[in-house]
Structures are given as structure tokens and as C-alpha cells.
PDB file of N, CA and C in Angstrom:
ATOM      1  N   MET A   1      88.967 146.434 -32.257  1.00  0.00           N
ATOM      2  CA  MET A   1      88.169 146.660 -31.068  1.00  0.00           C
ATOM      3  C   MET A   1      88.895 146.042 -29.882  1.00  0.00           C
ATOM      4  N   ILE A   2      88.962 146.772 -28.796  1.00  0.00           N
ATOM      5  CA  ILE A   2      89.705 146.339 -27.610  1.00  0.00           C
ATOM      6  C   ILE A   2      89.148 145.038 -27.025  1.00  0.00           C
ATOM      7  N   ALA A   3      87.846 144.810 -27.147  1.00  0.00           N
ATOM      8  CA  ALA A   3      87.227 143.605 -26.576  1.00  0.00           C
ATOM      9  C   ALA A   3      87.732 142.323 -27.215  1.00  0.00           C
ATOM     10  N   SER A   4      88.302 142.420 -28.396  1.00  0.00           N
ATOM     11  CA  SER A   4      88.810 141.229 -29.072  1.00  0.00           C
ATOM     12  C   SER A   4      90.333 141.244 -29.213  1.00  0.00           C
ATOM     13  N   HIS A   5      90.998 142.215 -28.613  1.00  0.00           N
ATOM     14  CA  HIS A   5      92.450 142.352 -28.720  1.00  0.00           C
ATOM     15  C   HIS A   5      93.141 141.117 -28.138  1.00  0.00           C
ATOM     16  N   GLU A   6      94.238 140.715 -28.734  1.00  0.00           N
ATOM     17  CA  GLU A   6      94.932 139.494 -28.322  1.00  0.00           C
ATOM     18  C   GLU A   6      95.470 139.542 -26.888  1.00  0.00           C
ATOM     19  N   LEU A   7      95.733 140.721 -26.355  1.00  0.00           N
ATOM     20  CA  LEU A   7      96.236 140.830 -24.984  1.00  0.00           C
ATOM     21  C   LEU A   7      95.130 140.837 -23.929  1.00  0.00           C
ATOM     22  N   VAL A   8      93.885 140.909 -24.387  1.00  0.00           N
ATOM     23  CA  VAL A   8      92.740 140.915 -23.465  1.00  0.00           C
ATOM     24  C   VAL A   8      92.282 139.480 -23.249  1.00  0.00           C
ATOM     25  N   ASP A   9      92.117 139.094 -21.980  1.00  0.00           N
ATOM     26  CA  ASP A   9      91.605 137.749 -21.724  1.00  0.00           C
ATOM     27  C   ASP A   9      90.203 137.769 -21.122  1.00  0.00           C
ATOM     28  N   THR A  10      89.829 138.874 -20.454  1.00  0.00           N
ATOM     29  CA  THR A  10      88.514 138.979 -19.826  1.00  0.00           C
ATOM     30  C   THR A  10      87.883 140.316 -20.174  1.00  0.00           C
ATOM     31  N   VAL A  11      86.600 140.284 -20.534  1.00  0.00           N
ATOM     32  CA  VAL A  11      85.848 141.486 -20.874  1.00  0.00           C
ATOM     33  C   VAL A  11      84.615 141.532 -19.975  1.00  0.00           C
ATOM     34  N   MET A  12      84.384 142.683 -19.334  1.00  0.00           N
ATOM     35  CA  MET A  12      83.166 142.848 -18.545  1.00  0.00           C
ATOM     36  C   MET A  12      82.213 143.737 -19.331  1.00  0.00           C
ATOM     37  N   ALA A  13      81.025 143.234 -19.598  1.00  0.00           N
ATOM     38  CA  ALA A  13      80.016 143.967 -20.363  1.00  0.00           C
ATOM     39  C   ALA A  13      79.053 144.648 -19.401  1.00  0.00           C
ATOM     40  N   ALA A  14      79.072 145.978 -19.412  1.00  0.00           N
ATOM     41  CA  ALA A  14      78.187 146.743 -18.534  1.00  0.00           C
ATOM     42  C   ALA A  14      77.642 147.975 -19.236  1.00  0.00           C
ATOM     43  N   ILE A  15      77.692 147.983 -20.560  1.00  0.00           N
ATOM     44  CA  ILE A  15      77.201 149.115 -21.346  1.00  0.00           C
ATOM     45  C   ILE A  15      75.688 148.995 -21.485  1.00  0.00           C
ATOM     46  N   VAL A  16      74.979 150.056 -21.186  1.00  0.00           N
ATOM     47  CA  VAL A  16      73.519 150.055 -21.223  1.00  0.00           C
ATOM     48  C   VAL A  16      73.012 150.074 -22.664  1.00  0.00           C
ATOM     49  N   GLY A  17      71.962 149.305 -22.904  1.00  0.00           N
ATOM     50  CA  GLY A  17      71.282 149.325 -24.197  1.00  0.00           C
ATOM     51  C   GLY A  17      71.999 148.533 -25.275  1.00  0.00           C
ATOM     52  N   ALA A  18      71.553 148.730 -26.513  1.00  0.00           N
ATOM     53  CA  ALA A  18      72.076 147.988 -27.661  1.00  0.00           C
ATOM     54  C   ALA A  18      73.526 148.332 -27.962  1.00  0.00           C
ATOM     55  N   ALA A  19      74.034 149.449 -27.445  1.00  0.00           N
ATOM     56  CA  ALA A  19      75.420 149.846 -27.692  1.00  0.00           C
ATOM     57  C   ALA A  19      76.406 148.801 -27.181  1.00  0.00           C
ATOM     58  N   GLY A  20      76.012 148.001 -26.216  1.00  0.00           N
ATOM     59  CA  GLY A  20      76.900 146.984 -25.665  1.00  0.00           C
ATOM     60  C   GLY A  20      77.001 145.714 -26.485  1.00  0.00           C
ATOM     61  N   LEU A  21      76.156 145.561 -27.486  1.00  0.00           N
ATOM     62  CA  LEU A  21      76.160 144.317 -28.259  1.00  0.00           C
ATOM     63  C   LEU A  21      77.436 144.145 -29.080  1.00  0.00           C
ATOM     64  N   ALA A  22      77.900 145.184 -29.753  1.00  0.00           N
ATOM     65  CA  ALA A  22      79.084 145.060 -30.619  1.00  0.00           C
ATOM     66  C   ALA A  22      80.320 144.585 -29.856  1.00  0.00           C
ATOM     67  N   PRO A  23      80.667 145.196 -28.720  1.00  0.00           N
ATOM     68  CA  PRO A  23      81.838 144.677 -28.009  1.00  0.00           C
ATOM     69  C   PRO A  23      81.619 143.262 -27.453  1.00  0.00           C
ATOM     70  N   CYS A  24      80.397 142.942 -27.065  1.00  0.00           N
ATOM     71  CA  CYS A  24      80.109 141.584 -26.597  1.00  0.00           C
ATOM     72  C   CYS A  24      80.279 140.570 -27.720  1.00  0.00           C
ATOM     73  N   MET A  25      79.812 140.905 -28.894  1.00  0.00           N
ATOM     74  CA  MET A  25      79.962 140.012 -30.043  1.00  0.00           C
ATOM     75  C   MET A  25      81.437 139.835 -30.381  1.00  0.00           C
ATOM     76  N   ALA A  26      82.202 140.924 -30.346  1.00  0.00           N
ATOM     77  CA  ALA A  26      83.632 140.855 -30.660  1.00  0.00           C
ATOM     78  C   ALA A  26      84.355 139.963 -29.651  1.00  0.00           C
ATOM     79  N   ALA A  27      84.040 140.139 -28.381  1.00  0.00           N
ATOM     80  CA  ALA A  27      84.666 139.322 -27.340  1.00  0.00           C
ATOM     81  C   ALA A  27      84.272 137.852 -27.486  1.00  0.00           C
ATOM     82  N   ALA A  28      83.008 137.607 -27.773  1.00  0.00           N
ATOM     83  CA  ALA A  28      82.527 136.231 -27.931  1.00  0.00           C
ATOM     84  C   ALA A  28      83.210 135.548 -29.110  1.00  0.00           C
ATOM     85  N   LYS A  29      83.262 136.224 -30.238  1.00  0.00           N
ATOM     86  CA  LYS A  29      83.887 135.646 -31.430  1.00  0.00           C
ATOM     87  C   LYS A  29      85.373 135.386 -31.226  1.00  0.00           C
ATOM     88  N   ALA A  30      86.007 136.201 -30.363  1.00  0.00           N
ATOM     89  CA  ALA A  30      87.438 136.051 -30.096  1.00  0.00           C
ATOM     90  C   ALA A  30      87.721 135.049 -28.981  1.00  0.00           C
ATOM     91  N   GLY A  31      86.667 134.447 -28.435  1.00  0.00           N
ATOM     92  CA  GLY A  31      86.843 133.415 -27.426  1.00  0.00           C
ATOM     93  C   GLY A  31      87.268 133.927 -26.061  1.00  0.00           C
ATOM     94  N   LYS A  32      86.857 135.122 -25.717  1.00  0.00           N
ATOM     95  CA  LYS A  32      87.240 135.719 -24.438  1.00  0.00           C
ATOM     96  C   LYS A  32      86.361 135.219 -23.298  1.00  0.00           C
ATOM     97  N   ARG A  33      86.825 135.418 -22.091  1.00  0.00           N
ATOM     98  CA  ARG A  33      85.988 135.224 -20.900  1.00  0.00           C
ATOM     99  C   ARG A  33      85.139 136.481 -20.826  1.00  0.00           C
ATOM    100  N   LEU A  34      83.831 136.331 -20.889  1.00  0.00           N
ATOM    101  CA  LEU A  34      82.911 137.462 -20.984  1.00  0.00           C
ATOM    102  C   LEU A  34      82.028 137.518 -19.746  1.00  0.00           C
ATOM    103  N   LEU A  35      82.223 138.551 -18.936  1.00  0.00           N
ATOM    104  CA  LEU A  35      81.445 138.740 -17.712  1.00  0.00           C
ATOM    105  C   LEU A  35      80.280 139.669 -18.025  1.00  0.00           C
ATOM    106  N   LEU A  36      79.059 139.170 -17.908  1.00  0.00           N
ATOM    107  CA  LEU A  36      77.881 139.989 -18.218  1.00  0.00           C
ATOM    108  C   LEU A  36      77.333 140.618 -16.946  1.00  0.00           C
ATOM    109  N   ALA A  37      77.449 141.945 -16.872  1.00  0.00           N
ATOM    110  CA  ALA A  37      76.910 142.682 -15.731  1.00  0.00           C
ATOM    111  C   ALA A  37      75.511 143.198 -16.045  1.00  0.00           C
ATOM    112  N   ASN A  38      75.025 142.906 -17.229  1.00  0.00           N
ATOM    113  CA  ASN A  38      73.667 143.290 -17.626  1.00  0.00           C
ATOM    114  C   ASN A  38      73.157 142.260 -18.623  1.00  0.00           C
ATOM    115  N   LYS A  39      71.931 142.420 -19.034  1.00  0.00           N
ATOM    116  CA  LYS A  39      71.328 141.430 -19.934  1.00  0.00           C
ATOM    117  C   LYS A  39      71.205 141.915 -21.376  1.00  0.00           C
ATOM    118  N   GLU A  40      71.696 143.098 -21.675  1.00  0.00           N
ATOM    119  CA  GLU A  40      71.479 143.697 -22.983  1.00  0.00           C
ATOM    120  C   GLU A  40      71.931 142.815 -24.147  1.00  0.00           C
ATOM    121  N   ALA A  41      73.120 142.233 -24.053  1.00  0.00           N
ATOM    122  CA  ALA A  41      73.613 141.403 -25.158  1.00  0.00           C
ATOM    123  C   ALA A  41      72.698 140.206 -25.396  1.00  0.00           C
ATOM    124  N   LEU A  42      72.168 139.644 -24.331  1.00  0.00           N
ATOM    125  CA  LEU A  42      71.256 138.505 -24.472  1.00  0.00           C
ATOM    126  C   LEU A  42      69.914 138.919 -25.040  1.00  0.00           C
ATOM    127  N   VAL A  43      69.405 140.064 -24.593  1.00  0.00           N
ATOM    128  CA  VAL A  43      68.094 140.532 -25.062  1.00  0.00           C
ATOM    129  C   VAL A  43      68.172 141.001 -26.514  1.00  0.00           C
ATOM    130  N   VAL A  44      69.165 141.817 -26.814  1.00  0.00           N
ATOM    131  CA  VAL A  44      69.290 142.384 -28.159  1.00  0.00           C
ATOM    132  C   VAL A  44      69.849 141.366 -29.144  1.00  0.00           C
ATOM    133  N   GLY A  45      70.846 140.594 -28.712  1.00  0.00           N
ATOM    134  CA  GLY A  45      71.521 139.665 -29.615  1.00  0.00           C
ATOM    135  C   GLY A  45      70.900 138.289 -29.690  1.00  0.00           C
ATOM    136  N   GLY A  46      70.300 137.842 -28.600  1.00  0.00           N
ATOM    137  CA  GLY A  46      69.611 136.556 -28.571  1.00  0.00           C
ATOM    138  C   GLY A  46      70.414 135.396 -29.110  1.00  0.00           C
ATOM    139  N   ASP A  47      69.814 134.653 -30.020  1.00  0.00           N
ATOM    140  CA  ASP A  47      70.429 133.450 -30.585  1.00  0.00           C
ATOM    141  C   ASP A  47      71.718 133.757 -31.342  1.00  0.00           C
ATOM    142  N   VAL A  48      71.782 134.920 -31.986  1.00  0.00           N
ATOM    143  CA  VAL A  48      72.986 135.293 -32.739  1.00  0.00           C
ATOM    144  C   VAL A  48      74.164 135.466 -31.772  1.00  0.00           C
ATOM    145  N   PHE A  49      73.911 136.126 -30.642  1.00  0.00           N
ATOM    146  CA  PHE A  49      74.951 136.311 -29.641  1.00  0.00           C
ATOM    147  C   PHE A  49      75.397 134.970 -29.065  1.00  0.00           C
ATOM    148  N   MET A  50      74.447 134.120 -28.702  1.00  0.00           N
ATOM    149  CA  MET A  50      74.797 132.818 -28.132  1.00  0.00           C
ATOM    150  C   MET A  50      75.540 131.942 -29.141  1.00  0.00           C
ATOM    151  N   ALA A  51      75.192 132.054 -30.416  1.00  0.00           N
ATOM    152  CA  ALA A  51      75.916 131.313 -31.458  1.00  0.00           C
ATOM    153  C   ALA A  51      77.365 131.795 -31.539  1.00  0.00           C
ATOM    154  N   ALA A  52      77.586 133.095 -31.387  1.00  0.00           N
ATOM    155  CA  ALA A  52      78.945 133.648 -31.402  1.00  0.00           C
ATOM    156  C   ALA A  52      79.738 133.160 -30.194  1.00  0.00           C
ATOM    157  N   VAL A  53      79.091 133.064 -29.041  1.00  0.00           N
ATOM    158  CA  VAL A  53      79.743 132.548 -27.833  1.00  0.00           C
ATOM    159  C   VAL A  53      80.210 131.112 -28.083  1.00  0.00           C
ATOM    160  N   ARG A  54      79.318 130.290 -28.628  1.00  0.00           N
ATOM    161  CA  ARG A  54      79.666 128.885 -28.886  1.00  0.00           C
ATOM    162  C   ARG A  54      80.747 128.771 -29.960  1.00  0.00           C
ATOM    163  N   ALA A  55      80.579 129.488 -31.052  1.00  0.00           N
ATOM    164  CA  ALA A  55      81.526 129.393 -32.167  1.00  0.00           C
ATOM    165  C   ALA A  55      82.920 129.870 -31.768  1.00  0.00           C
ATOM    166  N   GLY A  56      82.985 130.922 -30.953  1.00  0.00           N
ATOM    167  CA  GLY A  56      84.276 131.453 -30.540  1.00  0.00           C
ATOM    168  C   GLY A  56      84.893 130.721 -29.369  1.00  0.00           C
ATOM    169  N   GLY A  57      84.101 129.861 -28.721  1.00  0.00           N
ATOM    170  CA  GLY A  57      84.593 129.163 -27.544  1.00  0.00           C
ATOM    171  C   GLY A  57      84.733 130.082 -26.340  1.00  0.00           C
ATOM    172  N   ALA A  58      83.935 131.146 -26.319  1.00  0.00           N
ATOM    173  CA  ALA A  58      83.983 132.097 -25.210  1.00  0.00           C
ATOM    174  C   ALA A  58      83.398 131.481 -23.950  1.00  0.00           C
ATOM    175  N   GLN A  59      83.827 132.001 -22.822  1.00  0.00           N
ATOM    176  CA  GLN A  59      83.275 131.587 -21.532  1.00  0.00           C
ATOM    177  C   GLN A  59      82.362 132.717 -21.068  1.00  0.00           C
ATOM    178  N   LEU A  60      81.088 132.460 -20.954  1.00  0.00           N
ATOM    179  CA  LEU A  60      80.090 133.458 -20.586  1.00  0.00           C
ATOM    180  C   LEU A  60      79.741 133.285 -19.111  1.00  0.00           C
ATOM    181  N   LEU A  61      79.992 134.331 -18.311  1.00  0.00           N
ATOM    182  CA  LEU A  61      79.725 134.268 -16.881  1.00  0.00           C
ATOM    183  C   LEU A  61      78.838 135.433 -16.460  1.00  0.00           C
ATOM    184  N   PRO A  62      77.680 135.144 -15.884  1.00  0.00           N
ATOM    185  CA  PRO A  62      76.793 136.213 -15.423  1.00  0.00           C
ATOM    186  C   PRO A  62      77.286 136.767 -14.088  1.00  0.00           C
ATOM    187  N   ILE A  63      77.399 138.090 -13.997  1.00  0.00           N
ATOM    188  CA  ILE A  63      77.814 138.684 -12.729  1.00  0.00           C
ATOM    189  C   ILE A  63      76.763 139.644 -12.168  1.00  0.00           C
ATOM    190  N   ASP A  64      75.687 139.889 -12.913  1.00  0.00           N
ATOM    191  CA  ASP A  64      74.567 140.656 -12.396  1.00  0.00           C
ATOM    192  C   ASP A  64      73.893 139.804 -11.317  1.00  0.00           C
ATOM    193  N   SER A  65      73.321 140.422 -10.313  1.00  0.00           N
ATOM    194  CA  SER A  65      72.808 139.662  -9.172  1.00  0.00           C
ATOM    195  C   SER A  65      71.788 138.595  -9.557  1.00  0.00           C
ATOM    196  N   GLU A  66      70.769 138.963 -10.357  1.00  0.00           N
ATOM    197  CA  GLU A  66      69.747 137.978 -10.710  1.00  0.00           C
ATOM    198  C   GLU A  66      70.318 136.874 -11.599  1.00  0.00           C
ATOM    199  N   HIS A  67      71.104 137.253 -12.595  1.00  0.00           N
ATOM    200  CA  HIS A  67      71.678 136.253 -13.498  1.00  0.00           C
ATOM    201  C   HIS A  67      72.620 135.327 -12.751  1.00  0.00           C
ATOM    202  N   SER A  68      73.425 135.900 -11.876  1.00  0.00           N
ATOM    203  CA  SER A  68      74.373 135.100 -11.117  1.00  0.00           C
ATOM    204  C   SER A  68      73.651 134.137 -10.180  1.00  0.00           C
ATOM    205  N   ALA A  69      72.563 134.586  -9.579  1.00  0.00           N
ATOM    206  CA  ALA A  69      71.795 133.712  -8.687  1.00  0.00           C
ATOM    207  C   ALA A  69      71.252 132.500  -9.437  1.00  0.00           C
ATOM    208  N   ILE A  70      70.742 132.727 -10.633  1.00  0.00           N
ATOM    209  CA  ILE A  70      70.240 131.617 -11.453  1.00  0.00           C
ATOM    210  C   ILE A  70      71.388 130.681 -11.802  1.00  0.00           C
ATOM    211  N   PHE A  71      72.472 131.246 -12.294  1.00  0.00           N
ATOM    212  CA  PHE A  71      73.632 130.455 -12.702  1.00  0.00           C
ATOM    213  C   PHE A  71      74.150 129.602 -11.545  1.00  0.00           C
ATOM    214  N   GLN A  72      74.236 130.181 -10.357  1.00  0.00           N
ATOM    215  CA  GLN A  72      74.755 129.458  -9.203  1.00  0.00           C
ATOM    216  C   GLN A  72      73.818 128.348  -8.732  1.00  0.00           C
ATOM    217  N   SER A  73      72.535 128.466  -9.039  1.00  0.00           N
ATOM    218  CA  SER A  73      71.591 127.440  -8.600  1.00  0.00           C
ATOM    219  C   SER A  73      71.487 126.266  -9.576  1.00  0.00           C
ATOM    220  N   LEU A  74      72.066 126.396 -10.763  1.00  0.00           N
ATOM    221  CA  LEU A  74      72.001 125.333 -11.758  1.00  0.00           C
ATOM    222  C   LEU A  74      73.020 124.239 -11.467  1.00  0.00           C
ATOM    223  N   PRO A  75      72.732 123.013 -11.898  1.00  0.00           N
ATOM    224  CA  PRO A  75      73.708 121.934 -11.743  1.00  0.00           C
ATOM    225  C   PRO A  75      75.001 122.296 -12.471  1.00  0.00           C
ATOM    226  N   GLU A  76      76.117 121.814 -11.964  1.00  0.00           N
ATOM    227  CA  GLU A  76      77.420 122.162 -12.537  1.00  0.00           C
ATOM    228  C   GLU A  76      77.548 121.742 -14.001  1.00  0.00           C
ATOM    229  N   ASP A  77      77.041 120.582 -14.340  1.00  0.00           N
ATOM    230  CA  ASP A  77      77.138 120.075 -15.711  1.00  0.00           C
ATOM    231  C   ASP A  77      76.005 120.653 -16.558  1.00  0.00           C
ATOM    232  N   SER A  78      76.330 121.620 -17.415  1.00  0.00           N
ATOM    233  CA  SER A  78      75.294 122.281 -18.213  1.00  0.00           C
ATOM    234  C   SER A  78      74.593 121.330 -19.178  1.00  0.00           C
ATOM    235  N   ALA A  79      75.212 120.219 -19.495  1.00  0.00           N
ATOM    236  CA  ALA A  79      74.579 119.245 -20.391  1.00  0.00           C
ATOM    237  C   ALA A  79      73.356 118.603 -19.747  1.00  0.00           C
ATOM    238  N   THR A  80      73.229 118.690 -18.432  1.00  0.00           N
ATOM    239  CA  THR A  80      72.106 118.069 -17.732  1.00  0.00           C
ATOM    240  C   THR A  80      70.996 119.059 -17.365  1.00  0.00           C
ATOM    241  N   TRP A  81      71.180 120.327 -17.688  1.00  0.00           N
ATOM    242  CA  TRP A  81      70.210 121.341 -17.270  1.00  0.00           C
ATOM    243  C   TRP A  81      68.793 121.025 -17.726  1.00  0.00           C
ATOM    244  N   LEU A  82      68.615 120.665 -18.982  1.00  0.00           N
ATOM    245  CA  LEU A  82      67.265 120.410 -19.501  1.00  0.00           C
ATOM    246  C   LEU A  82      66.602 119.212 -18.821  1.00  0.00           C
ATOM    247  N   GLN A  83      67.381 118.226 -18.448  1.00  0.00           N
ATOM    248  CA  GLN A  83      66.823 117.055 -17.789  1.00  0.00           C
ATOM    249  C   GLN A  83      66.591 117.277 -16.293  1.00  0.00           C
ATOM    250  N   ARG A  84      67.401 118.138 -15.669  1.00  0.00           N
ATOM    251  CA  ARG A  84      67.361 118.278 -14.212  1.00  0.00           C
ATOM    252  C   ARG A  84      66.615 119.506 -13.707  1.00  0.00           C
ATOM    253  N   VAL A  85      66.362 120.478 -14.587  1.00  0.00           N
ATOM    254  CA  VAL A  85      65.699 121.711 -14.148  1.00  0.00           C
ATOM    255  C   VAL A  85      64.373 121.850 -14.881  1.00  0.00           C
ATOM    256  N   GLU A  86      63.305 121.825 -14.124  1.00  0.00           N
ATOM    257  CA  GLU A  86      61.974 121.956 -14.714  1.00  0.00           C
ATOM    258  C   GLU A  86      61.573 123.411 -14.859  1.00  0.00           C
ATOM    259  N   LYS A  87      61.881 124.223 -13.855  1.00  0.00           N
ATOM    260  CA  LYS A  87      61.412 125.600 -13.851  1.00  0.00           C
ATOM    261  C   LYS A  87      62.329 126.445 -12.966  1.00  0.00           C
ATOM    262  N   ILE A  88      62.518 127.689 -13.381  1.00  0.00           N
ATOM    263  CA  ILE A  88      63.224 128.669 -12.556  1.00  0.00           C
ATOM    264  C   ILE A  88      62.275 129.841 -12.362  1.00  0.00           C
ATOM    265  N   ILE A  89      62.056 130.198 -11.127  1.00  0.00           N
ATOM    266  CA  ILE A  89      61.189 131.337 -10.832  1.00  0.00           C
ATOM    267  C   ILE A  89      62.065 132.465 -10.311  1.00  0.00           C
ATOM    268  N   LEU A  90      62.054 133.571 -11.007  1.00  0.00           N
ATOM    269  CA  LEU A  90      62.839 134.735 -10.617  1.00  0.00           C
ATOM    270  C   LEU A  90      61.875 135.834 -10.204  1.00  0.00           C
ATOM    271  N   THR A  91      61.983 136.255  -8.972  1.00  0.00           N
ATOM    272  CA  THR A  91      61.083 137.300  -8.486  1.00  0.00           C
ATOM    273  C   THR A  91      61.528 138.657  -9.008  1.00  0.00           C
ATOM    274  N   ALA A  92      60.601 139.564  -9.130  1.00  0.00           N
ATOM    275  CA  ALA A  92      60.918 140.923  -9.575  1.00  0.00           C
ATOM    276  C   ALA A  92      61.438 141.704  -8.377  1.00  0.00           C
ATOM    277  N   SER A  93      62.719 142.058  -8.422  1.00  0.00           N
ATOM    278  CA  SER A  93      63.329 142.737  -7.281  1.00  0.00           C
ATOM    279  C   SER A  93      63.302 144.251  -7.434  1.00  0.00           C
ATOM    280  N   GLY A  94      62.627 144.734  -8.415  1.00  0.00           N
ATOM    281  CA  GLY A  94      62.594 146.181  -8.648  1.00  0.00           C
ATOM    282  C   GLY A  94      62.477 146.436 -10.133  1.00  0.00           C
ATOM    283  N   GLY A  95      63.391 147.213 -10.653  1.00  0.00           N
ATOM    284  CA  GLY A  95      63.393 147.505 -12.081  1.00  0.00           C
ATOM    285  C   GLY A  95      62.081 148.114 -12.506  1.00  0.00           C
ATOM    286  N   PRO A  96      61.453 147.580 -13.572  1.00  0.00           N
ATOM    287  CA  PRO A  96      60.219 148.173 -14.077  1.00  0.00           C
ATOM    288  C   PRO A  96      58.981 147.809 -13.259  1.00  0.00           C
ATOM    289  N   PHE A  97      59.138 147.005 -12.197  1.00  0.00           N
ATOM    290  CA  PHE A  97      57.987 146.520 -11.442  1.00  0.00           C
ATOM    291  C   PHE A  97      57.965 146.954  -9.973  1.00  0.00           C
ATOM    292  N   PRO A  98      58.436 148.143  -9.608  1.00  0.00           N
ATOM    293  CA  PRO A  98      58.511 148.475  -8.175  1.00  0.00           C
ATOM    294  C   PRO A  98      57.145 148.487  -7.479  1.00  0.00           C
ATOM    295  N   ALA A  99      56.110 148.966  -8.147  1.00  0.00           N
ATOM    296  CA  ALA A  99      54.781 148.997  -7.517  1.00  0.00           C
ATOM    297  C   ALA A  99      54.272 147.574  -7.308  1.00  0.00           C
ATOM    298  N   ARG A 100      54.508 146.699  -8.258  1.00  0.00           N
ATOM    299  CA  ARG A 100      54.068 145.310  -8.156  1.00  0.00           C
ATOM    300  C   ARG A 100      54.799 144.591  -7.013  1.00  0.00           C
ATOM    301  N   VAL A 101      56.079 144.860  -6.890  1.00  0.00           N
ATOM    302  CA  VAL A 101      56.877 144.224  -5.832  1.00  0.00           C
ATOM    303  C   VAL A 101      56.379 144.681  -4.475  1.00  0.00           C
ATOM    304  N   ARG A 102      56.108 145.968  -4.315  1.00  0.00           N
ATOM    305  CA  ARG A 102      55.629 146.469  -3.019  1.00  0.00           C
ATOM    306  C   ARG A 102      54.278 145.845  -2.660  1.00  0.00           C
ATOM    307  N   ARG A 103      53.370 145.744  -3.612  1.00  0.00           N
ATOM    308  CA  ARG A 103      52.068 145.146  -3.319  1.00  0.00           C
ATOM    309  C   ARG A 103      52.231 143.687  -2.911  1.00  0.00           C
ATOM    310  N   THR A 104      53.079 142.972  -3.619  1.00  0.00           N
ATOM    311  CA  THR A 104      53.291 141.556  -3.302  1.00  0.00           C
ATOM    312  C   THR A 104      53.940 141.414  -1.935  1.00  0.00           C
ATOM    313  N   ALA A 105      54.915 142.244  -1.647  1.00  0.00           N
ATOM    314  CA  ALA A 105      55.615 142.166  -0.366  1.00  0.00           C
ATOM    315  C   ALA A 105      54.684 142.472   0.797  1.00  0.00           C
ATOM    316  N   CYS A 106      53.690 143.321   0.569  1.00  0.00           N
ATOM    317  CA  CYS A 106      52.747 143.675   1.632  1.00  0.00           C
ATOM    318  C   CYS A 106      51.578 142.690   1.722  1.00  0.00           C
ATOM    319  N   GLY A 107      51.517 141.778   0.783  1.00  0.00           N
ATOM    320  CA  GLY A 107      50.458 140.776   0.814  1.00  0.00           C
ATOM    321  C   GLY A 107      49.139 141.242   0.222  1.00  0.00           C
ATOM    322  N   THR A 108      49.143 142.326  -0.531  1.00  0.00           N
ATOM    323  CA  THR A 108      47.886 142.801  -1.139  1.00  0.00           C
ATOM    324  C   THR A 108      47.795 142.399  -2.573  1.00  0.00           C
TER     325      THR A 108
END
């Protein structure tokens, strides 16, 4: 699989749905820098995907707007996240909630 090929150093995951999990897992296990442009690997793979990231020594970087915003707002030292971050509130910017967002934006 190209995502784990020895000449590849960075993989961008942008495949819609569960089809994107296999290349993400391959890249994670191979210790690649993995740029997530969507959340599919996290939603579908969950703990198994994150275990592969840790075991392979992969670098996981969110590049989707919402994920990147959260990542950028966290303290630099990830070991302190649980002690320093009580709550993250992410507003619905669209997606499956467009009617809800419009009502909230209008104050109704």
C-alpha cells in the first residue's frame, strides 16, 4: 500500500467514509506523518486507530478546519491536556445541523 511505502513520509487522509480507514491504519503503523483532512479514521477506527498511531510512532496532525482549531487551542505539551483543559465547545458550523445553526445564529 502506497500509504506505508518507505519513500513516503507524509500521507494526507481525505477519503470519505470507512474506505479511508485502511490507508490511515497503514500509514499509522508505518510511523508516517498523517494529515487528517476528515474525521473518518477517528470515527470508524476509534481506539484501534489511535493505538496504531502510538505503536507506529506516527505523527497525527488535524488539517480539517474544526479539528485544526481544537488542536491549535490546546497547550503545546499534550501530557498536560487532561490537567489543563476542562472542556472544549465546538459549535456546529454546518454539516448535518444547518437548520439548527441558522436558528441559533438568528437568536430563535
